[in-house]
C-alpha atoms as a PDB file:
ATOM      1  CA  MET A   1      92.904 107.770  87.945  1.00  0.00           C
ATOM      2  CA  MET A   2      94.765 106.158  90.847  1.00  0.00           C
ATOM      3  CA  GLN A   3      94.449 107.715  94.271  1.00  0.00           C
ATOM      4  CA  GLY A   4      97.550 108.067  96.387  1.00  0.00           C
ATOM      5  CA  ALA A   5      99.032 109.630  99.466  1.00  0.00           C
ATOM      6  CA  ARG A   6     101.756 112.225  99.790  1.00  0.00           C
ATOM      7  CA  LEU A   7     105.004 110.723 101.056  1.00  0.00           C
ATOM      8  CA  SER A   8     105.087 113.397 103.773  1.00  0.00           C
ATOM      9  CA  ASP A   9     101.708 112.168 105.031  1.00  0.00           C
ATOM     10  CA  ILE A  10     102.914 108.559 105.096  1.00  0.00           C
ATOM     11  CA  LEU A  11     106.104 109.466 106.974  1.00  0.00           C
ATOM     12  CA  ARG A  12     104.473 112.221 109.040  1.00  0.00           C
ATOM     13  CA  ARG A  13     107.256 114.718 108.393  1.00  0.00           C
ATOM     14  CA  ASP A  14     107.984 117.647 106.099  1.00  0.00           C
ATOM     15  CA  LEU A  15     109.938 116.813 102.955  1.00  0.00           C
ATOM     16  CA  SER A  16     111.631 119.001 100.378  1.00  0.00           C
ATOM     17  CA  VAL A  17     110.457 116.560  97.687  1.00  0.00           C
ATOM     18  CA  ASP A  18     106.958 115.252  98.336  1.00  0.00           C
ATOM     19  CA  PRO A  19     105.739 112.835  95.653  1.00  0.00           C
ATOM     20  CA  VAL A  20     102.348 111.165  95.589  1.00  0.00           C
ATOM     21  CA  ILE A  21     102.738 107.448  96.334  1.00  0.00           C
ATOM     22  CA  THR A  22     100.208 105.303  94.481  1.00  0.00           C
ATOM     23  CA  GLY A  23     101.613 101.885  95.367  1.00  0.00           C
ATOM     24  CA  VAL A  24     104.455  99.963  96.997  1.00  0.00           C
ATOM     25  CA  THR A  25     106.432  97.046  95.590  1.00  0.00           C
ATOM     26  CA  ALA A  26     109.706  95.205  96.115  1.00  0.00           C
ATOM     27  CA  ASP A  27     109.552  93.843  92.535  1.00  0.00           C
ATOM     28  CA  SER A  28     111.226  96.308  90.165  1.00  0.00           C
ATOM     29  CA  ARG A  29     109.315  94.793  87.237  1.00  0.00           C
ATOM     30  CA  LYS A  30     106.067  96.040  88.794  1.00  0.00           C
ATOM     31  CA  VAL A  31     107.170  99.655  89.321  1.00  0.00           C
ATOM     32  CA  SER A  32     105.182 102.346  87.541  1.00  0.00           C
ATOM     33  CA  ASP A  33     104.736 106.099  87.984  1.00  0.00           C
ATOM     34  CA  GLY A  34     104.112 106.908  91.644  1.00  0.00           C
ATOM     35  CA  THR A  35     105.381 103.636  93.098  1.00  0.00           C
ATOM     36  CA  LEU A  36     107.543 103.455  96.215  1.00  0.00           C
ATOM     37  CA  PHE A  37     110.185 100.832  95.410  1.00  0.00           C
ATOM     38  CA  ALA A  38     111.382  98.834  98.419  1.00  0.00           C
ATOM     39  CA  ALA A  39     114.953  97.881  97.459  1.00  0.00           C
ATOM     40  CA  LEU A  40     115.360  95.013  99.881  1.00  0.00           C
ATOM     41  CA  PRO A  41     118.025  92.317  99.987  1.00  0.00           C
ATOM     42  CA  GLY A  42     116.460  88.946  99.233  1.00  0.00           C
ATOM     43  CA  ALA A  43     117.385  85.271  99.156  1.00  0.00           C
ATOM     44  CA  ARG A  44     117.857  85.236  95.361  1.00  0.00           C
ATOM     45  CA  ALA A  45     118.512  88.873  94.462  1.00  0.00           C
ATOM     46  CA  ASP A  46     119.415  92.152  96.112  1.00  0.00           C
ATOM     47  CA  GLY A  47     116.762  94.748  95.360  1.00  0.00           C
ATOM     48  CA  ARG A  48     119.358  97.518  95.530  1.00  0.00           C
ATOM     49  CA  ALA A  49     120.747  96.272  92.212  1.00  0.00           C
ATOM     50  CA  PHE A  50     117.417  97.179  90.600  1.00  0.00           C
ATOM     51  CA  ILE A  51     117.177 100.781  91.842  1.00  0.00           C
ATOM     52  CA  PRO A  52     118.209 102.287  88.466  1.00  0.00           C
ATOM     53  CA  GLN A  53     115.561 100.191  86.683  1.00  0.00           C
ATOM     54  CA  ALA A  54     112.878 101.187  89.195  1.00  0.00           C
ATOM     55  CA  ILE A  55     113.729 104.881  88.825  1.00  0.00           C
ATOM     56  CA  ALA A  56     113.679 104.583  85.032  1.00  0.00           C
ATOM     57  CA  GLN A  57     110.209 103.043  85.289  1.00  0.00           C
ATOM     58  CA  GLY A  58     108.849 105.941  87.349  1.00  0.00           C
ATOM     59  CA  ALA A  59     109.472 105.125  90.999  1.00  0.00           C
ATOM     60  CA  ALA A  60     108.495 108.158  93.053  1.00  0.00           C
ATOM     61  CA  ALA A  61     110.600 107.105  96.059  1.00  0.00           C
ATOM     62  CA  VAL A  62     113.007 104.354  97.043  1.00  0.00           C
ATOM     63  CA  LEU A  63     113.274 102.604 100.388  1.00  0.00           C
ATOM     64  CA  ALA A  64     116.890 101.416 100.667  1.00  0.00           C
ATOM     65  CA  ASP A  65     119.419 100.865 103.405  1.00  0.00           C
ATOM     66  CA  ARG A  66     121.959 103.546 104.152  1.00  0.00           C
ATOM     67  CA  LYS A  67     124.683 101.698 102.239  1.00  0.00           C
ATOM     68  CA  SER A  68     122.919 102.094  98.902  1.00  0.00           C
ATOM     69  CA  THR A  69     124.859 104.221  96.422  1.00  0.00           C
ATOM     70  CA  ARG A  70     122.566 103.717  93.433  1.00  0.00           C
ATOM     71  CA  LEU A  71     120.370 106.772  94.009  1.00  0.00           C
ATOM     72  CA  ASN A  72     120.725 110.207  92.538  1.00  0.00           C
ATOM     73  CA  SER A  73     119.776 113.337  94.432  1.00  0.00           C
ATOM     74  CA  SER A  74     116.533 113.945  92.515  1.00  0.00           C
ATOM     75  CA  HIS A  75     114.799 110.952  94.109  1.00  0.00           C
ATOM     76  CA  THR A  76     113.578 110.487  97.645  1.00  0.00           C
ATOM     77  CA  ASP A  77     115.435 107.858  99.645  1.00  0.00           C
ATOM     78  CA  ILE A  78     113.474 107.205 102.821  1.00  0.00           C
ATOM     79  CA  SER A  79     116.410 105.640 104.672  1.00  0.00           C
ATOM     80  CA  ARG A  80     118.506 108.784 104.302  1.00  0.00           C
ATOM     81  CA  MET A  81     115.983 111.041 105.990  1.00  0.00           C
ATOM     82  CA  PRO A  82     116.883 112.356 109.435  1.00  0.00           C
ATOM     83  CA  SER A  83     115.002 110.796 112.316  1.00  0.00           C
ATOM     84  CA  SER A  84     112.409 112.921 114.011  1.00  0.00           C
ATOM     85  CA  ALA A  85     113.163 113.569 117.659  1.00  0.00           C
END
């Protein structure tokens, strides 16, 4: 069994959805249950284009810029969280 950390512990804030994060990757082909997918723009591909694939493969959370429209409301998008004061 893989150990992980609650997303709220990683971000140090309360969350309404608080998945266990077991790994982090920017490669959508490596996403599995519990992975935080970093949807980053790259030199050859834009990771935001792979958000639906990552979610289908079990991503627990997605790190994406605020312009990303490929998320649905049932997944945690770290960039859309309000800043703590």
